[in-house]
Amino acid sequence: MHSSVQEYLTTLVEKRRSPLTIKAVRQDLTRFITWWEQQHQRNYDPNRVLESDLRDWRRFRQNEEGAAPATINRALASLRGYCS
C-alpha cells in the first residue's frame, strides 16, 4: 500500500470515521491503485494520476466489472477525499 494511502486512512481514524467507512475506503483505493498499476505498467505514483484515469477507471468498473452506479459513486467519493 502506498504511504499516502496509509496516511489518509490514519487521518480518517483520527477524524473518528466509522471502521466500516475506513474499510470501504481502503478497498476502493486498493482497487483503484491495482487497476492504475496494470494500466500504466508501473508502480503507483499519486502525482501521475490524471482526471482521464478516473474517467477510464469509472468506465472499467461499469462496463467490465458491472459495478452498480452507487458502488462506483462511493468509490469516486473515496478517491476525491484521498486526492484532496
C-alpha atoms as a PDB file:
ATOM      1  CA  MET A   1       0.000   0.000   0.000  1.00  0.00           C
ATOM      2  CA  HIS A   2       1.322   3.423  -0.935  1.00  0.00           C
ATOM      3  CA  SER A   3       2.352   5.547   2.049  1.00  0.00           C
ATOM      4  CA  SER A   4      -0.059   8.335   1.047  1.00  0.00           C
ATOM      5  CA  VAL A   5      -2.975   5.910   1.303  1.00  0.00           C
ATOM      6  CA  GLN A   6      -1.914   4.814   4.767  1.00  0.00           C
ATOM      7  CA  GLU A   7      -1.597   8.467   5.816  1.00  0.00           C
ATOM      8  CA  TYR A   8      -5.099   9.165   4.513  1.00  0.00           C
ATOM      9  CA  LEU A   9      -6.538   6.172   6.350  1.00  0.00           C
ATOM     10  CA  THR A  10      -4.832   7.338   9.543  1.00  0.00           C
ATOM     11  CA  THR A  11      -6.453  10.743   9.057  1.00  0.00           C
ATOM     12  CA  LEU A  12      -9.849   9.069   8.783  1.00  0.00           C
ATOM     13  CA  VAL A  13      -9.208   7.208  12.047  1.00  0.00           C
ATOM     14  CA  GLU A  14      -8.212  10.479  13.736  1.00  0.00           C
ATOM     15  CA  LYS A  15     -11.429  12.056  12.451  1.00  0.00           C
ATOM     16  CA  ARG A  16     -13.298   9.148  14.085  1.00  0.00           C
ATOM     17  CA  ARG A  17     -14.791   7.800  10.894  1.00  0.00           C
ATOM     18  CA  SER A  18     -16.623   4.518  11.170  1.00  0.00           C
ATOM     19  CA  PRO A  19     -14.497   1.358  10.889  1.00  0.00           C
ATOM     20  CA  LEU A  20     -16.782   0.250   8.046  1.00  0.00           C
ATOM     21  CA  THR A  21     -16.175   3.536   6.228  1.00  0.00           C
ATOM     22  CA  ILE A  22     -12.428   3.121   6.610  1.00  0.00           C
ATOM     23  CA  LYS A  23     -12.641  -0.450   5.358  1.00  0.00           C
ATOM     24  CA  ALA A  24     -14.644   0.653   2.300  1.00  0.00           C
ATOM     25  CA  VAL A  25     -12.209   3.480   1.539  1.00  0.00           C
ATOM     26  CA  ARG A  26      -9.245   1.099   1.844  1.00  0.00           C
ATOM     27  CA  GLN A  27     -10.900  -1.326  -0.574  1.00  0.00           C
ATOM     28  CA  ASP A  28     -11.781   1.439  -3.044  1.00  0.00           C
ATOM     29  CA  LEU A  29      -8.273   2.879  -3.045  1.00  0.00           C
ATOM     30  CA  THR A  30      -6.634  -0.540  -3.273  1.00  0.00           C
ATOM     31  CA  ARG A  31      -8.836  -1.475  -6.220  1.00  0.00           C
ATOM     32  CA  PHE A  32      -8.052   1.803  -7.998  1.00  0.00           C
ATOM     33  CA  ILE A  33      -4.301   1.534  -7.385  1.00  0.00           C
ATOM     34  CA  THR A  34      -4.231  -2.061  -8.630  1.00  0.00           C
ATOM     35  CA  TRP A  35      -6.091  -1.027 -11.780  1.00  0.00           C
ATOM     36  CA  TRP A  36      -3.823   2.019 -12.264  1.00  0.00           C
ATOM     37  CA  GLU A  37      -0.646  -0.057 -11.964  1.00  0.00           C
ATOM     38  CA  GLN A  38      -1.949  -2.571 -14.503  1.00  0.00           C
ATOM     39  CA  GLN A  39      -2.897   0.189 -16.934  1.00  0.00           C
ATOM     40  CA  HIS A  40       0.387   2.081 -16.641  1.00  0.00           C
ATOM     41  CA  GLN A  41       2.724  -0.871 -16.085  1.00  0.00           C
ATOM     42  CA  ARG A  42       4.499   0.929 -13.250  1.00  0.00           C
ATOM     43  CA  ASN A  43       4.322   1.381  -9.513  1.00  0.00           C
ATOM     44  CA  TYR A  44       1.576   3.685  -8.338  1.00  0.00           C
ATOM     45  CA  ASP A  45       2.513   7.355  -8.106  1.00  0.00           C
ATOM     46  CA  PRO A  46      -0.289   9.640  -6.900  1.00  0.00           C
ATOM     47  CA  ASN A  47       1.389  12.569  -8.649  1.00  0.00           C
ATOM     48  CA  ARG A  48       0.807  10.881 -12.016  1.00  0.00           C
ATOM     49  CA  VAL A  49      -2.929  10.289 -11.619  1.00  0.00           C
ATOM     50  CA  LEU A  50      -4.870  12.220 -14.242  1.00  0.00           C
ATOM     51  CA  GLU A  51      -8.534  13.089 -14.462  1.00  0.00           C
ATOM     52  CA  SER A  52      -8.684  10.844 -17.513  1.00  0.00           C
ATOM     53  CA  ASP A  53      -7.528   7.933 -15.303  1.00  0.00           C
ATOM     54  CA  LEU A  54     -10.570   8.444 -13.096  1.00  0.00           C
ATOM     55  CA  ARG A  55     -12.902   8.512 -16.101  1.00  0.00           C
ATOM     56  CA  ASP A  56     -11.285   5.382 -17.543  1.00  0.00           C
ATOM     57  CA  TRP A  57     -11.475   3.589 -14.202  1.00  0.00           C
ATOM     58  CA  ARG A  58     -15.139   4.503 -13.810  1.00  0.00           C
ATOM     59  CA  ARG A  59     -15.864   3.124 -17.295  1.00  0.00           C
ATOM     60  CA  PHE A  60     -13.897  -0.043 -16.474  1.00  0.00           C
ATOM     61  CA  ARG A  61     -15.839  -0.587 -13.241  1.00  0.00           C
ATOM     62  CA  GLN A  62     -19.136  -0.038 -15.018  1.00  0.00           C
ATOM     63  CA  ASN A  63     -18.550  -1.884 -18.284  1.00  0.00           C
ATOM     64  CA  GLU A  64     -16.057  -4.618 -17.401  1.00  0.00           C
ATOM     65  CA  GLU A  65     -16.925  -5.353 -13.785  1.00  0.00           C
ATOM     66  CA  GLY A  66     -20.611  -4.470 -13.889  1.00  0.00           C
ATOM     67  CA  ALA A  67     -20.415  -2.419 -10.706  1.00  0.00           C
ATOM     68  CA  ALA A  68     -23.595  -0.655  -9.664  1.00  0.00           C
ATOM     69  CA  PRO A  69     -23.734   3.144 -10.017  1.00  0.00           C
ATOM     70  CA  ALA A  70     -23.947   3.560  -6.225  1.00  0.00           C
ATOM     71  CA  THR A  71     -20.813   1.448  -5.769  1.00  0.00           C
ATOM     72  CA  ILE A  72     -18.925   3.456  -8.371  1.00  0.00           C
ATOM     73  CA  ASN A  73     -20.065   6.745  -6.849  1.00  0.00           C
ATOM     74  CA  ARG A  74     -18.935   5.661  -3.398  1.00  0.00           C
ATOM     75  CA  ALA A  75     -15.526   4.684  -4.800  1.00  0.00           C
ATOM     76  CA  LEU A  76     -15.223   8.015  -6.581  1.00  0.00           C
ATOM     77  CA  ALA A  77     -16.064   9.777  -3.310  1.00  0.00           C
ATOM     78  CA  SER A  78     -13.272   7.792  -1.640  1.00  0.00           C
ATOM     79  CA  LEU A  79     -10.861   8.893  -4.359  1.00  0.00           C
ATOM     80  CA  ARG A  80     -11.960  12.535  -4.099  1.00  0.00           C
ATOM     81  CA  GLY A  81     -11.339  12.504  -0.375  1.00  0.00           C
ATOM     82  CA  TYR A  82      -7.937  10.895  -0.821  1.00  0.00           C
ATOM     83  CA  CYS A  83      -6.905  13.287  -3.579  1.00  0.00           C
ATOM     84  CA  SER A  84      -7.958  16.424  -1.708  1.00  0.00           C
END
